[in-house]
Amino acid sequence: MDRGLMLNDGDCGFCMRTAALVPRLGVDIDRTTLQSVDLAALGVDAERAVVEMPYVHPDGRVDYGHRAFAAILRTGPLPWRLAGRAMTAPGVDAVARRAYHWVAANRSRLPGGTPACSLDAP
């Protein structure tokens, strides 16, 4: 794989809206939905991927949640690279993790969200 791959939940309006905005940051990644790829072949934990967005690095490593988003930002221009590094810095990492989990838990209530976005949805 030449570029990293961002995977988002294609059943979640908030996730799809966010994924559509990511290229505007100037990041150098590919993106697709969880539902359109063989997650096991990519080394992605399917259960975790629904709760925390996965990012598959070009070398095959997989990050989830805030670390995935930080890795995506680190592929972009300077201000975003710095933001990506800051998100995983000591002291900030735990705050970024909690913020990401709050957003994920509330994605059905955020712009673009629908009841189908709820992590509790059947």
PDB file of N, CA and C in Angstrom:
ATOM      1  N   MET A   1       0.852  -1.172   0.000  1.00  0.00           N
ATOM      2  CA  MET A   1       0.000   0.000   0.000  1.00  0.00           C
ATOM      3  C   MET A   1       0.903   1.242   0.000  1.00  0.00           C
ATOM      4  N   ASP A   2       0.651   2.128  -0.943  1.00  0.00           N
ATOM      5  CA  ASP A   2       1.468   3.333  -1.082  1.00  0.00           C
ATOM      6  C   ASP A   2       1.077   4.433  -0.106  1.00  0.00           C
ATOM      7  N   ARG A   3      -0.227   4.511   0.179  1.00  0.00           N
ATOM      8  CA  ARG A   3      -0.730   5.552   1.073  1.00  0.00           C
ATOM      9  C   ARG A   3      -1.522   4.894   2.186  1.00  0.00           C
ATOM     10  N   GLY A   4      -1.630   5.610   3.303  1.00  0.00           N
ATOM     11  CA  GLY A   4      -2.439   5.101   4.388  1.00  0.00           C
ATOM     12  C   GLY A   4      -3.910   5.100   4.003  1.00  0.00           C
ATOM     13  N   LEU A   5      -4.705   4.336   4.746  1.00  0.00           N
ATOM     14  CA  LEU A   5      -6.121   4.182   4.439  1.00  0.00           C
ATOM     15  C   LEU A   5      -6.974   4.477   5.667  1.00  0.00           C
ATOM     16  N   MET A   6      -7.791   5.515   5.558  1.00  0.00           N
ATOM     17  CA  MET A   6      -8.758   5.862   6.597  1.00  0.00           C
ATOM     18  C   MET A   6     -10.029   5.069   6.320  1.00  0.00           C
ATOM     19  N   LEU A   7     -10.536   4.401   7.351  1.00  0.00           N
ATOM     20  CA  LEU A   7     -11.771   3.637   7.217  1.00  0.00           C
ATOM     21  C   LEU A   7     -12.837   4.265   8.105  1.00  0.00           C
ATOM     22  N   ASN A   8     -13.985   4.570   7.515  1.00  0.00           N
ATOM     23  CA  ASN A   8     -15.061   5.146   8.316  1.00  0.00           C
ATOM     24  C   ASN A   8     -16.320   4.301   8.170  1.00  0.00           C
ATOM     25  N   ASP A   9     -17.229   4.474   9.117  1.00  0.00           N
ATOM     26  CA  ASP A   9     -18.476   3.725   9.137  1.00  0.00           C
ATOM     27  C   ASP A   9     -19.422   4.290   8.082  1.00  0.00           C
ATOM     28  N   GLY A  10     -19.673   3.525   7.026  1.00  0.00           N
ATOM     29  CA  GLY A  10     -20.533   3.965   5.942  1.00  0.00           C
ATOM     30  C   GLY A  10     -21.998   4.040   6.318  1.00  0.00           C
ATOM     31  N   ASP A  11     -22.363   3.487   7.464  1.00  0.00           N
ATOM     32  CA  ASP A  11     -23.752   3.545   7.927  1.00  0.00           C
ATOM     33  C   ASP A  11     -24.012   4.757   8.810  1.00  0.00           C
ATOM     34  N   CYS A  12     -22.975   5.531   9.094  1.00  0.00           N
ATOM     35  CA  CYS A  12     -23.093   6.674  10.010  1.00  0.00           C
ATOM     36  C   CYS A  12     -22.950   7.978   9.225  1.00  0.00           C
ATOM     37  N   GLY A  13     -24.000   8.787   9.247  1.00  0.00           N
ATOM     38  CA  GLY A  13     -23.968  10.068   8.549  1.00  0.00           C
ATOM     39  C   GLY A  13     -22.878  10.994   9.051  1.00  0.00           C
ATOM     40  N   PHE A  14     -22.673  11.037  10.376  1.00  0.00           N
ATOM     41  CA  PHE A  14     -21.627  11.889  10.936  1.00  0.00           C
ATOM     42  C   PHE A  14     -20.254  11.430  10.443  1.00  0.00           C
ATOM     43  N   CYS A  15     -20.030  10.122  10.432  1.00  0.00           N
ATOM     44  CA  CYS A  15     -18.737   9.587   9.985  1.00  0.00           C
ATOM     45  C   CYS A  15     -18.506   9.882   8.505  1.00  0.00           C
ATOM     46  N   MET A  16     -19.556   9.734   7.692  1.00  0.00           N
ATOM     47  CA  MET A  16     -19.436  10.008   6.263  1.00  0.00           C
ATOM     48  C   MET A  16     -19.170  11.493   6.021  1.00  0.00           C
ATOM     49  N   ARG A  17     -19.830  12.337   6.791  1.00  0.00           N
ATOM     50  CA  ARG A  17     -19.621  13.783   6.648  1.00  0.00           C
ATOM     51  C   ARG A  17     -18.185  14.146   7.038  1.00  0.00           C
ATOM     52  N   THR A  18     -17.708  13.583   8.128  1.00  0.00           N
ATOM     53  CA  THR A  18     -16.335  13.832   8.568  1.00  0.00           C
ATOM     54  C   THR A  18     -15.340  13.345   7.523  1.00  0.00           C
ATOM     55  N   ALA A  19     -15.557  12.144   6.996  1.00  0.00           N
ATOM     56  CA  ALA A  19     -14.655  11.585   5.980  1.00  0.00           C
ATOM     57  C   ALA A  19     -14.615  12.461   4.731  1.00  0.00           C
ATOM     58  N   ALA A  20     -15.748  13.056   4.385  1.00  0.00           N
ATOM     59  CA  ALA A  20     -15.791  13.933   3.213  1.00  0.00           C
ATOM     60  C   ALA A  20     -15.006  15.220   3.439  1.00  0.00           C
ATOM     61  N   LEU A  21     -14.893  15.655   4.686  1.00  0.00           N
ATOM     62  CA  LEU A  21     -14.174  16.889   5.000  1.00  0.00           C
ATOM     63  C   LEU A  21     -12.658  16.683   5.119  1.00  0.00           C
ATOM     64  N   VAL A  22     -12.228  15.487   5.436  1.00  0.00           N
ATOM     65  CA  VAL A  22     -10.809  15.215   5.684  1.00  0.00           C
ATOM     66  C   VAL A  22      -9.907  15.617   4.511  1.00  0.00           C
ATOM     67  N   PRO A  23     -10.261  15.348   3.249  1.00  0.00           N
ATOM     68  CA  PRO A  23      -9.363  15.756   2.152  1.00  0.00           C
ATOM     69  C   PRO A  23      -9.096  17.256   2.104  1.00  0.00           C
ATOM     70  N   ARG A  24     -10.003  18.059   2.623  1.00  0.00           N
ATOM     71  CA  ARG A  24      -9.801  19.508   2.635  1.00  0.00           C
ATOM     72  C   ARG A  24      -8.613  19.914   3.502  1.00  0.00           C
ATOM     73  N   LEU A  25      -8.161  19.008   4.362  1.00  0.00           N
ATOM     74  CA  LEU A  25      -7.012  19.302   5.221  1.00  0.00           C
ATOM     75  C   LEU A  25      -5.690  19.148   4.476  1.00  0.00           C
ATOM     76  N   GLY A  26      -5.744  18.622   3.266  1.00  0.00           N
ATOM     77  CA  GLY A  26      -4.525  18.438   2.481  1.00  0.00           C
ATOM     78  C   GLY A  26      -3.729  17.218   2.888  1.00  0.00           C
ATOM     79  N   VAL A  27      -4.370  16.262   3.535  1.00  0.00           N
ATOM     80  CA  VAL A  27      -3.675  15.054   3.963  1.00  0.00           C
ATOM     81  C   VAL A  27      -3.467  14.113   2.786  1.00  0.00           C
ATOM     82  N   ASP A  28      -2.456  13.259   2.899  1.00  0.00           N
ATOM     83  CA  ASP A  28      -2.087  12.343   1.824  1.00  0.00           C
ATOM     84  C   ASP A  28      -2.510  10.928   2.208  1.00  0.00           C
ATOM     85  N   ILE A  29      -3.801  10.653   2.089  1.00  0.00           N
ATOM     86  CA  ILE A  29      -4.344   9.351   2.460  1.00  0.00           C
ATOM     87  C   ILE A  29      -5.396   8.930   1.440  1.00  0.00           C
ATOM     88  N   ASP A  30      -5.759   7.671   1.503  1.00  0.00           N
ATOM     89  CA  ASP A  30      -6.935   7.171   0.810  1.00  0.00           C
ATOM     90  C   ASP A  30      -7.994   6.972   1.870  1.00  0.00           C
ATOM     91  N   ARG A  31      -9.257   6.907   1.460  1.00  0.00           N
ATOM     92  CA  ARG A  31     -10.322   6.676   2.424  1.00  0.00           C
ATOM     93  C   ARG A  31     -11.411   5.845   1.785  1.00  0.00           C
ATOM     94  N   THR A  32     -12.056   5.042   2.604  1.00  0.00           N
ATOM     95  CA  THR A  32     -13.179   4.236   2.161  1.00  0.00           C
ATOM     96  C   THR A  32     -13.974   3.827   3.399  1.00  0.00           C
ATOM     97  N   THR A  33     -15.028   3.080   3.186  1.00  0.00           N
ATOM     98  CA  THR A  33     -15.862   2.671   4.313  1.00  0.00           C
ATOM     99  C   THR A  33     -15.442   1.304   4.840  1.00  0.00           C
ATOM    100  N   LEU A  34     -15.759   1.074   6.094  1.00  0.00           N
ATOM    101  CA  LEU A  34     -15.515  -0.232   6.722  1.00  0.00           C
ATOM    102  C   LEU A  34     -16.211  -1.337   5.944  1.00  0.00           C
ATOM    103  N   GLN A  35     -17.388  -1.018   5.435  1.00  0.00           N
ATOM    104  CA  GLN A  35     -18.229  -2.008   4.788  1.00  0.00           C
ATOM    105  C   GLN A  35     -17.752  -2.404   3.398  1.00  0.00           C
ATOM    106  N   SER A  36     -16.800  -1.666   2.829  1.00  0.00           N
ATOM    107  CA  SER A  36     -16.384  -1.926   1.447  1.00  0.00           C
ATOM    108  C   SER A  36     -15.053  -2.661   1.316  1.00  0.00           C
ATOM    109  N   VAL A  37     -14.463  -3.057   2.437  1.00  0.00           N
ATOM    110  CA  VAL A  37     -13.160  -3.731   2.384  1.00  0.00           C
ATOM    111  C   VAL A  37     -13.171  -4.982   3.260  1.00  0.00           C
ATOM    112  N   ASP A  38     -12.170  -5.819   3.060  1.00  0.00           N
ATOM    113  CA  ASP A  38     -11.974  -7.005   3.893  1.00  0.00           C
ATOM    114  C   ASP A  38     -11.137  -6.570   5.098  1.00  0.00           C
ATOM    115  N   LEU A  39     -11.814  -6.300   6.206  1.00  0.00           N
ATOM    116  CA  LEU A  39     -11.125  -5.786   7.396  1.00  0.00           C
ATOM    117  C   LEU A  39     -10.063  -6.755   7.899  1.00  0.00           C
ATOM    118  N   ALA A  40     -10.370  -8.040   7.922  1.00  0.00           N
ATOM    119  CA  ALA A  40      -9.410  -9.032   8.414  1.00  0.00           C
ATOM    120  C   ALA A  40      -8.133  -9.018   7.562  1.00  0.00           C
ATOM    121  N   ALA A  41      -8.290  -8.903   6.254  1.00  0.00           N
ATOM    122  CA  ALA A  41      -7.117  -8.876   5.364  1.00  0.00           C
ATOM    123  C   ALA A  41      -6.244  -7.655   5.628  1.00  0.00           C
ATOM    124  N   LEU A  42      -6.869  -6.569   6.104  1.00  0.00           N
ATOM    125  CA  LEU A  42      -6.118  -5.351   6.427  1.00  0.00           C
ATOM    126  C   LEU A  42      -5.571  -5.361   7.856  1.00  0.00           C
ATOM    127  N   GLY A  43      -5.929  -6.389   8.626  1.00  0.00           N
ATOM    128  CA  GLY A  43      -5.483  -6.455  10.015  1.00  0.00           C
ATOM    129  C   GLY A  43      -6.289  -5.579  10.948  1.00  0.00           C
ATOM    130  N   VAL A  44      -7.519  -5.228  10.548  1.00  0.00           N
ATOM    131  CA  VAL A  44      -8.377  -4.342  11.326  1.00  0.00           C
ATOM    132  C   VAL A  44      -9.345  -5.161  12.174  1.00  0.00           C
ATOM    133  N   ASP A  45      -9.420  -4.847  13.451  1.00  0.00           N
ATOM    134  CA  ASP A  45     -10.371  -5.477  14.366  1.00  0.00           C
ATOM    135  C   ASP A  45     -11.759  -4.919  14.061  1.00  0.00           C
ATOM    136  N   ALA A  46     -12.644  -5.751  13.521  1.00  0.00           N
ATOM    137  CA  ALA A  46     -13.960  -5.302  13.060  1.00  0.00           C
ATOM    138  C   ALA A  46     -14.814  -4.720  14.189  1.00  0.00           C
ATOM    139  N   GLU A  47     -14.779  -5.327  15.358  1.00  0.00           N
ATOM    140  CA  GLU A  47     -15.578  -4.814  16.484  1.00  0.00           C
ATOM    141  C   GLU A  47     -15.059  -3.462  16.951  1.00  0.00           C
ATOM    142  N   ARG A  48     -13.765  -3.343  17.037  1.00  0.00           N
ATOM    143  CA  ARG A  48     -13.178  -2.074  17.479  1.00  0.00           C
ATOM    144  C   ARG A  48     -13.392  -0.977  16.431  1.00  0.00           C
ATOM    145  N   ALA A  49     -13.370  -1.358  15.153  1.00  0.00           N
ATOM    146  CA  ALA A  49     -13.489  -0.383  14.070  1.00  0.00           C
ATOM    147  C   ALA A  49     -14.817   0.351  14.066  1.00  0.00           C
ATOM    148  N   VAL A  50     -15.858  -0.264  14.588  1.00  0.00           N
ATOM    149  CA  VAL A  50     -17.166   0.388  14.637  1.00  0.00           C
ATOM    150  C   VAL A  50     -17.195   1.460  15.720  1.00  0.00           C
ATOM    151  N   VAL A  51     -16.373   1.292  16.746  1.00  0.00           N
ATOM    152  CA  VAL A  51     -16.338   2.220  17.874  1.00  0.00           C
ATOM    153  C   VAL A  51     -15.236   3.266  17.709  1.00  0.00           C
ATOM    154  N   GLU A  52     -14.120   2.858  17.124  1.00  0.00           N
ATOM    155  CA  GLU A  52     -12.974   3.750  16.937  1.00  0.00           C
ATOM    156  C   GLU A  52     -12.503   3.657  15.489  1.00  0.00           C
ATOM    157  N   MET A  53     -12.511   4.783  14.794  1.00  0.00           N
ATOM    158  CA  MET A  53     -12.089   4.813  13.398  1.00  0.00           C
ATOM    159  C   MET A  53     -10.688   4.220  13.250  1.00  0.00           C
ATOM    160  N   PRO A  54     -10.499   3.278  12.326  1.00  0.00           N
ATOM    161  CA  PRO A  54      -9.154   2.761  12.073  1.00  0.00           C
ATOM    162  C   PRO A  54      -8.455   3.509  10.934  1.00  0.00           C
ATOM    163  N   TYR A  55      -7.156   3.544  11.045  1.00  0.00           N
ATOM    164  CA  TYR A  55      -6.296   4.063   9.982  1.00  0.00           C
ATOM    165  C   TYR A  55      -5.207   3.019   9.769  1.00  0.00           C
ATOM    166  N   VAL A  56      -5.105   2.526   8.533  1.00  0.00           N
ATOM    167  CA  VAL A  56      -4.098   1.528   8.181  1.00  0.00           C
ATOM    168  C   VAL A  56      -2.928   2.267   7.541  1.00  0.00           C
ATOM    169  N   HIS A  57      -1.784   2.228   8.208  1.00  0.00           N
ATOM    170  CA  HIS A  57      -0.575   2.874   7.696  1.00  0.00           C
ATOM    171  C   HIS A  57      -0.084   2.141   6.448  1.00  0.00           C
ATOM    172  N   PRO A  58       0.697   2.802   5.607  1.00  0.00           N
ATOM    173  CA  PRO A  58       1.233   2.133   4.418  1.00  0.00           C
ATOM    174  C   PRO A  58       2.005   0.852   4.742  1.00  0.00           C
ATOM    175  N   ASP A  59       2.617   0.774   5.931  1.00  0.00           N
ATOM    176  CA  ASP A  59       3.366  -0.427   6.300  1.00  0.00           C
ATOM    177  C   ASP A  59       2.480  -1.506   6.938  1.00  0.00           C
ATOM    178  N   GLY A  60       1.160  -1.255   7.027  1.00  0.00           N
ATOM    179  CA  GLY A  60       0.238  -2.247   7.555  1.00  0.00           C
ATOM    180  C   GLY A  60      -0.143  -2.090   9.014  1.00  0.00           C
ATOM    181  N   ARG A  61       0.579  -1.223   9.749  1.00  0.00           N
ATOM    182  CA  ARG A  61       0.192  -0.987  11.148  1.00  0.00           C
ATOM    183  C   ARG A  61      -1.184  -0.350  11.170  1.00  0.00           C
ATOM    184  N   VAL A  62      -1.931  -0.584  12.247  1.00  0.00           N
ATOM    185  CA  VAL A  62      -3.269  -0.017  12.371  1.00  0.00           C
ATOM    186  C   VAL A  62      -3.352   0.792  13.663  1.00  0.00           C
ATOM    187  N   ASP A  63      -3.827   2.025  13.538  1.00  0.00           N
ATOM    188  CA  ASP A  63      -4.140   2.861  14.691  1.00  0.00           C
ATOM    189  C   ASP A  63      -5.648   3.041  14.716  1.00  0.00           C
ATOM    190  N   TYR A  64      -6.183   3.320  15.910  1.00  0.00           N
ATOM    191  CA  TYR A  64      -7.616   3.515  16.085  1.00  0.00           C
ATOM    192  C   TYR A  64      -7.876   4.830  16.821  1.00  0.00           C
ATOM    193  N   GLY A  65      -9.089   5.360  16.615  1.00  0.00           N
ATOM    194  CA  GLY A  65      -9.550   6.512  17.378  1.00  0.00           C
ATOM    195  C   GLY A  65      -8.690   7.743  17.192  1.00  0.00           C
ATOM    196  N   HIS A  66      -8.362   8.388  18.330  1.00  0.00           N
ATOM    197  CA  HIS A  66      -7.610   9.645  18.246  1.00  0.00           C
ATOM    198  C   HIS A  66      -6.222   9.431  17.662  1.00  0.00           C
ATOM    199  N   ARG A  67      -5.645   8.278  17.898  1.00  0.00           N
ATOM    200  CA  ARG A  67      -4.323   7.995  17.325  1.00  0.00           C
ATOM    201  C   ARG A  67      -4.407   7.845  15.811  1.00  0.00           C
ATOM    202  N   ALA A  68      -5.520   7.292  15.322  1.00  0.00           N
ATOM    203  CA  ALA A  68      -5.741   7.204  13.872  1.00  0.00           C
ATOM    204  C   ALA A  68      -5.852   8.604  13.279  1.00  0.00           C
ATOM    205  N   PHE A  69      -6.643   9.435  13.920  1.00  0.00           N
ATOM    206  CA  PHE A  69      -6.813  10.799  13.406  1.00  0.00           C
ATOM    207  C   PHE A  69      -5.496  11.561  13.470  1.00  0.00           C
ATOM    208  N   ALA A  70      -4.725  11.365  14.516  1.00  0.00           N
ATOM    209  CA  ALA A  70      -3.411  12.015  14.622  1.00  0.00           C
ATOM    210  C   ALA A  70      -2.489  11.551  13.494  1.00  0.00           C
ATOM    211  N   ALA A  71      -2.498  10.264  13.197  1.00  0.00           N
ATOM    212  CA  ALA A  71      -1.662   9.734  12.117  1.00  0.00           C
ATOM    213  C   ALA A  71      -2.081  10.323  10.769  1.00  0.00           C
ATOM    214  N   ILE A  72      -3.385  10.477  10.570  1.00  0.00           N
ATOM    215  CA  ILE A  72      -3.890  11.088   9.334  1.00  0.00           C
ATOM    216  C   ILE A  72      -3.395  12.530   9.233  1.00  0.00           C
ATOM    217  N   LEU A  73      -3.512  13.284  10.309  1.00  0.00           N
ATOM    218  CA  LEU A  73      -3.056  14.676  10.298  1.00  0.00           C
ATOM    219  C   LEU A  73      -1.566  14.773  10.001  1.00  0.00           C
ATOM    220  N   ARG A  74      -0.787  13.802  10.476  1.00  0.00           N
ATOM    221  CA  ARG A  74       0.665  13.835  10.256  1.00  0.00           C
ATOM    222  C   ARG A  74       1.050  13.630   8.796  1.00  0.00           C
ATOM    223  N   THR A  75       0.086  13.273   7.924  1.00  0.00           N
ATOM    224  CA  THR A  75       0.385  13.150   6.493  1.00  0.00           C
ATOM    225  C   THR A  75       0.136  14.451   5.747  1.00  0.00           C
ATOM    226  N   GLY A  76      -0.356  15.471   6.442  1.00  0.00           N
ATOM    227  CA  GLY A  76      -0.730  16.727   5.802  1.00  0.00           C
ATOM    228  C   GLY A  76       0.346  17.790   5.898  1.00  0.00           C
ATOM    229  N   PRO A  77      -0.032  19.016   5.558  1.00  0.00           N
ATOM    230  CA  PRO A  77       0.907  20.129   5.633  1.00  0.00           C
ATOM    231  C   PRO A  77       1.261  20.469   7.079  1.00  0.00           C
ATOM    232  N   LEU A  78       2.276  21.300   7.231  1.00  0.00           N
ATOM    233  CA  LEU A  78       2.883  21.600   8.524  1.00  0.00           C
ATOM    234  C   LEU A  78       1.915  21.858   9.680  1.00  0.00           C
ATOM    235  N   PRO A  79       0.942  22.732   9.580  1.00  0.00           N
ATOM    236  CA  PRO A  79       0.131  22.952  10.787  1.00  0.00           C
ATOM    237  C   PRO A  79      -0.585  21.681  11.231  1.00  0.00           C
ATOM    238  N   TRP A  80      -1.042  20.879  10.277  1.00  0.00           N
ATOM    239  CA  TRP A  80      -1.744  19.646  10.652  1.00  0.00           C
ATOM    240  C   TRP A  80      -0.768  18.592  11.171  1.00  0.00           C
ATOM    241  N   ARG A  81       0.435  18.534  10.604  1.00  0.00           N
ATOM    242  CA  ARG A  81       1.445  17.589  11.123  1.00  0.00           C
ATOM    243  C   ARG A  81       1.744  17.885  12.586  1.00  0.00           C
ATOM    244  N   LEU A  82       1.894  19.165  12.905  1.00  0.00           N
ATOM    245  CA  LEU A  82       2.158  19.543  14.302  1.00  0.00           C
ATOM    246  C   LEU A  82       0.978  19.180  15.205  1.00  0.00           C
ATOM    247  N   ALA A  83      -0.245  19.419  14.722  1.00  0.00           N
ATOM    248  CA  ALA A  83      -1.434  19.065  15.512  1.00  0.00           C
ATOM    249  C   ALA A  83      -1.480  17.561  15.740  1.00  0.00           C
ATOM    250  N   GLY A  84      -1.152  16.778  14.713  1.00  0.00           N
ATOM    251  CA  GLY A  84      -1.133  15.319  14.854  1.00  0.00           C
ATOM    252  C   GLY A  84      -0.114  14.860  15.876  1.00  0.00           C
ATOM    253  N   ARG A  85       1.050  15.472  15.883  1.00  0.00           N
ATOM    254  CA  ARG A  85       2.073  15.123  16.889  1.00  0.00           C
ATOM    255  C   ARG A  85       1.620  15.520  18.290  1.00  0.00           C
ATOM    256  N   ALA A  86       1.020  16.693  18.385  1.00  0.00           N
ATOM    257  CA  ALA A  86       0.562  17.177  19.692  1.00  0.00           C
ATOM    258  C   ALA A  86      -0.508  16.264  20.286  1.00  0.00           C
ATOM    259  N   MET A  87      -1.377  15.721  19.441  1.00  0.00           N
ATOM    260  CA  MET A  87      -2.473  14.873  19.930  1.00  0.00           C
ATOM    261  C   MET A  87      -1.993  13.623  20.654  1.00  0.00           C
ATOM    262  N   THR A  88      -0.778  13.180  20.364  1.00  0.00           N
ATOM    263  CA  THR A  88      -0.277  11.956  20.993  1.00  0.00           C
ATOM    264  C   THR A  88       0.892  12.242  21.949  1.00  0.00           C
ATOM    265  N   ALA A  89       1.112  13.505  22.230  1.00  0.00           N
ATOM    266  CA  ALA A  89       2.191  13.884  23.158  1.00  0.00           C
ATOM    267  C   ALA A  89       1.788  13.527  24.595  1.00  0.00           C
ATOM    268  N   PRO A  90       2.781  13.242  25.442  1.00  0.00           N
ATOM    269  CA  PRO A  90       2.467  12.955  26.850  1.00  0.00           C
ATOM    270  C   PRO A  90       1.643  14.092  27.452  1.00  0.00           C
ATOM    271  N   GLY A  91       0.644  13.727  28.198  1.00  0.00           N
ATOM    272  CA  GLY A  91      -0.228  14.703  28.825  1.00  0.00           C
ATOM    273  C   GLY A  91      -1.418  15.074  27.956  1.00  0.00           C
ATOM    274  N   VAL A  92      -1.205  15.167  26.647  1.00  0.00           N
ATOM    275  CA  VAL A  92      -2.280  15.503  25.724  1.00  0.00           C
ATOM    276  C   VAL A  92      -2.981  14.234  25.244  1.00  0.00           C
ATOM    277  N   ASP A  93      -2.232  13.147  25.135  1.00  0.00           N
ATOM    278  CA  ASP A  93      -2.753  11.884  24.619  1.00  0.00           C
ATOM    279  C   ASP A  93      -4.021  11.443  25.364  1.00  0.00           C
ATOM    280  N   ALA A  94      -3.999  11.487  26.668  1.00  0.00           N
ATOM    281  CA  ALA A  94      -5.163  11.043  27.455  1.00  0.00           C
ATOM    282  C   ALA A  94      -6.363  11.960  27.239  1.00  0.00           C
ATOM    283  N   VAL A  95      -6.125  13.248  27.119  1.00  0.00           N
ATOM    284  CA  VAL A  95      -7.214  14.198  26.874  1.00  0.00           C
ATOM    285  C   VAL A  95      -7.792  13.972  25.476  1.00  0.00           C
ATOM    286  N   ALA A  96      -6.931  13.783  24.486  1.00  0.00           N
ATOM    287  CA  ALA A  96      -7.386  13.542  23.115  1.00  0.00           C
ATOM    288  C   ALA A  96      -8.178  12.233  23.043  1.00  0.00           C
ATOM    289  N   ARG A  97      -7.745  11.218  23.769  1.00  0.00           N
ATOM    290  CA  ARG A  97      -8.466   9.933  23.797  1.00  0.00           C
ATOM    291  C   ARG A  97      -9.866  10.129  24.364  1.00  0.00           C
ATOM    292  N   ARG A  98      -9.974  10.842  25.475  1.00  0.00           N
ATOM    293  CA  ARG A  98     -11.291  11.081  26.083  1.00  0.00           C
ATOM    294  C   ARG A  98     -12.182  11.914  25.160  1.00  0.00           C
ATOM    295  N   ALA A  99     -11.609  12.925  24.520  1.00  0.00           N
ATOM    296  CA  ALA A  99     -12.391  13.759  23.599  1.00  0.00           C
ATOM    297  C   ALA A  99     -12.894  12.923  22.423  1.00  0.00           C
ATOM    298  N   TYR A 100     -12.035  12.083  21.874  1.00  0.00           N
ATOM    299  CA  TYR A 100     -12.445  11.229  20.761  1.00  0.00           C
ATOM    300  C   TYR A 100     -13.582  10.301  21.202  1.00  0.00           C
ATOM    301  N   HIS A 101     -13.447   9.686  22.360  1.00  0.00           N
ATOM    302  CA  HIS A 101     -14.491   8.766  22.835  1.00  0.00           C
ATOM    303  C   HIS A 101     -15.807   9.495  23.088  1.00  0.00           C
ATOM    304  N   TRP A 102     -15.745  10.749  23.553  1.00  0.00           N
ATOM    305  CA  TRP A 102     -16.975  11.515  23.749  1.00  0.00           C
ATOM    306  C   TRP A 102     -17.656  11.754  22.396  1.00  0.00           C
ATOM    307  N   VAL A 103     -16.870  12.152  21.401  1.00  0.00           N
ATOM    308  CA  VAL A 103     -17.433  12.388  20.069  1.00  0.00           C
ATOM    309  C   VAL A 103     -18.037  11.093  19.523  1.00  0.00           C
ATOM    310  N   ALA A 104     -17.318   9.985  19.632  1.00  0.00           N
ATOM    311  CA  ALA A 104     -17.822   8.709  19.123  1.00  0.00           C
ATOM    312  C   ALA A 104     -19.118   8.300  19.828  1.00  0.00           C
ATOM    313  N   ALA A 105     -19.164   8.483  21.130  1.00  0.00           N
ATOM    314  CA  ALA A 105     -20.355   8.104  21.896  1.00  0.00           C
ATOM    315  C   ALA A 105     -21.553   8.993  21.567  1.00  0.00           C
ATOM    316  N   ASN A 106     -21.290  10.193  21.072  1.00  0.00           N
ATOM    317  CA  ASN A 106     -22.361  11.155  20.793  1.00  0.00           C
ATOM    318  C   ASN A 106     -22.539  11.450  19.307  1.00  0.00           C
ATOM    319  N   ARG A 107     -21.960  10.650  18.453  1.00  0.00           N
ATOM    320  CA  ARG A 107     -21.975  10.950  17.021  1.00  0.00           C
ATOM    321  C   ARG A 107     -23.377  11.018  16.429  1.00  0.00           C
ATOM    322  N   SER A 108     -24.332  10.340  17.020  1.00  0.00           N
ATOM    323  CA  SER A 108     -25.704  10.404  16.496  1.00  0.00           C
ATOM    324  C   SER A 108     -26.342  11.770  16.758  1.00  0.00           C
ATOM    325  N   ARG A 109     -25.771  12.540  17.705  1.00  0.00           N
ATOM    326  CA  ARG A 109     -26.313  13.858  18.054  1.00  0.00           C
ATOM    327  C   ARG A 109     -25.554  15.000  17.393  1.00  0.00           C
ATOM    328  N   LEU A 110     -24.470  14.705  16.712  1.00  0.00           N
ATOM    329  CA  LEU A 110     -23.622  15.726  16.104  1.00  0.00           C
ATOM    330  C   LEU A 110     -24.064  16.010  14.671  1.00  0.00           C
ATOM    331  N   PRO A 111     -23.608  17.107  14.067  1.00  0.00           N
ATOM    332  CA  PRO A 111     -24.025  17.451  12.707  1.00  0.00           C
ATOM    333  C   PRO A 111     -23.827  16.282  11.733  1.00  0.00           C
ATOM    334  N   GLY A 112     -24.892  15.962  11.013  1.00  0.00           N
ATOM    335  CA  GLY A 112     -24.857  14.843  10.080  1.00  0.00           C
ATOM    336  C   GLY A 112     -25.272  13.531  10.716  1.00  0.00           C
ATOM    337  N   GLY A 113     -25.336  13.514  12.041  1.00  0.00           N
ATOM    338  CA  GLY A 113     -25.689  12.297  12.752  1.00  0.00           C
ATOM    339  C   GLY A 113     -27.157  11.940  12.614  1.00  0.00           C
ATOM    340  N   THR A 114     -27.430  10.659  12.670  1.00  0.00           N
ATOM    341  CA  THR A 114     -28.796  10.135  12.640  1.00  0.00           C
ATOM    342  C   THR A 114     -28.877   9.040  13.695  1.00  0.00           C
ATOM    343  N   PRO A 115     -30.065   8.545  13.990  1.00  0.00           N
ATOM    344  CA  PRO A 115     -30.154   7.436  14.948  1.00  0.00           C
ATOM    345  C   PRO A 115     -29.311   6.229  14.537  1.00  0.00           C
ATOM    346  N   ALA A 116     -29.100   6.029  13.242  1.00  0.00           N
ATOM    347  CA  ALA A 116     -28.275   4.908  12.772  1.00  0.00           C
ATOM    348  C   ALA A 116     -26.813   5.066  13.195  1.00  0.00           C
ATOM    349  N   CYS A 117     -26.401   6.286  13.539  1.00  0.00           N
ATOM    350  CA  CYS A 117     -25.018   6.544  13.948  1.00  0.00           C
ATOM    351  C   CYS A 117     -24.750   6.086  15.379  1.00  0.00           C
ATOM    352  N   SER A 118     -25.792   5.900  16.141  1.00  0.00           N
ATOM    353  CA  SER A 118     -25.624   5.541  17.550  1.00  0.00           C
ATOM    354  C   SER A 118     -24.854   4.244  17.687  1.00  0.00           C
ATOM    355  N   LEU A 119     -23.905   4.227  18.608  1.00  0.00           N
ATOM    356  CA  LEU A 119     -23.150   3.002  18.842  1.00  0.00           C
ATOM    357  C   LEU A 119     -24.029   1.924  19.457  1.00  0.00           C
ATOM    358  N   ASP A 120     -25.203   2.318  19.965  1.00  0.00           N
ATOM    359  CA  ASP A 120     -26.138   1.359  20.530  1.00  0.00           C
ATOM    360  C   ASP A 120     -27.151   0.877  19.513  1.00  0.00           C
ATOM    361  N   ALA A 121     -27.084   1.382  18.271  1.00  0.00           N
ATOM    362  CA  ALA A 121     -28.055   1.003  17.240  1.00  0.00           C
ATOM    363  C   ALA A 121     -27.903  -0.471  16.921  1.00  0.00           C
ATOM    364  N   PRO A 122     -29.019  -1.154  16.620  1.00  0.00           N
ATOM    365  CA  PRO A 122     -28.927  -2.582  16.280  1.00  0.00           C
ATOM    366  C   PRO A 122     -28.219  -2.797  14.976  1.00  0.00           C
TER     367      PRO A 122
END
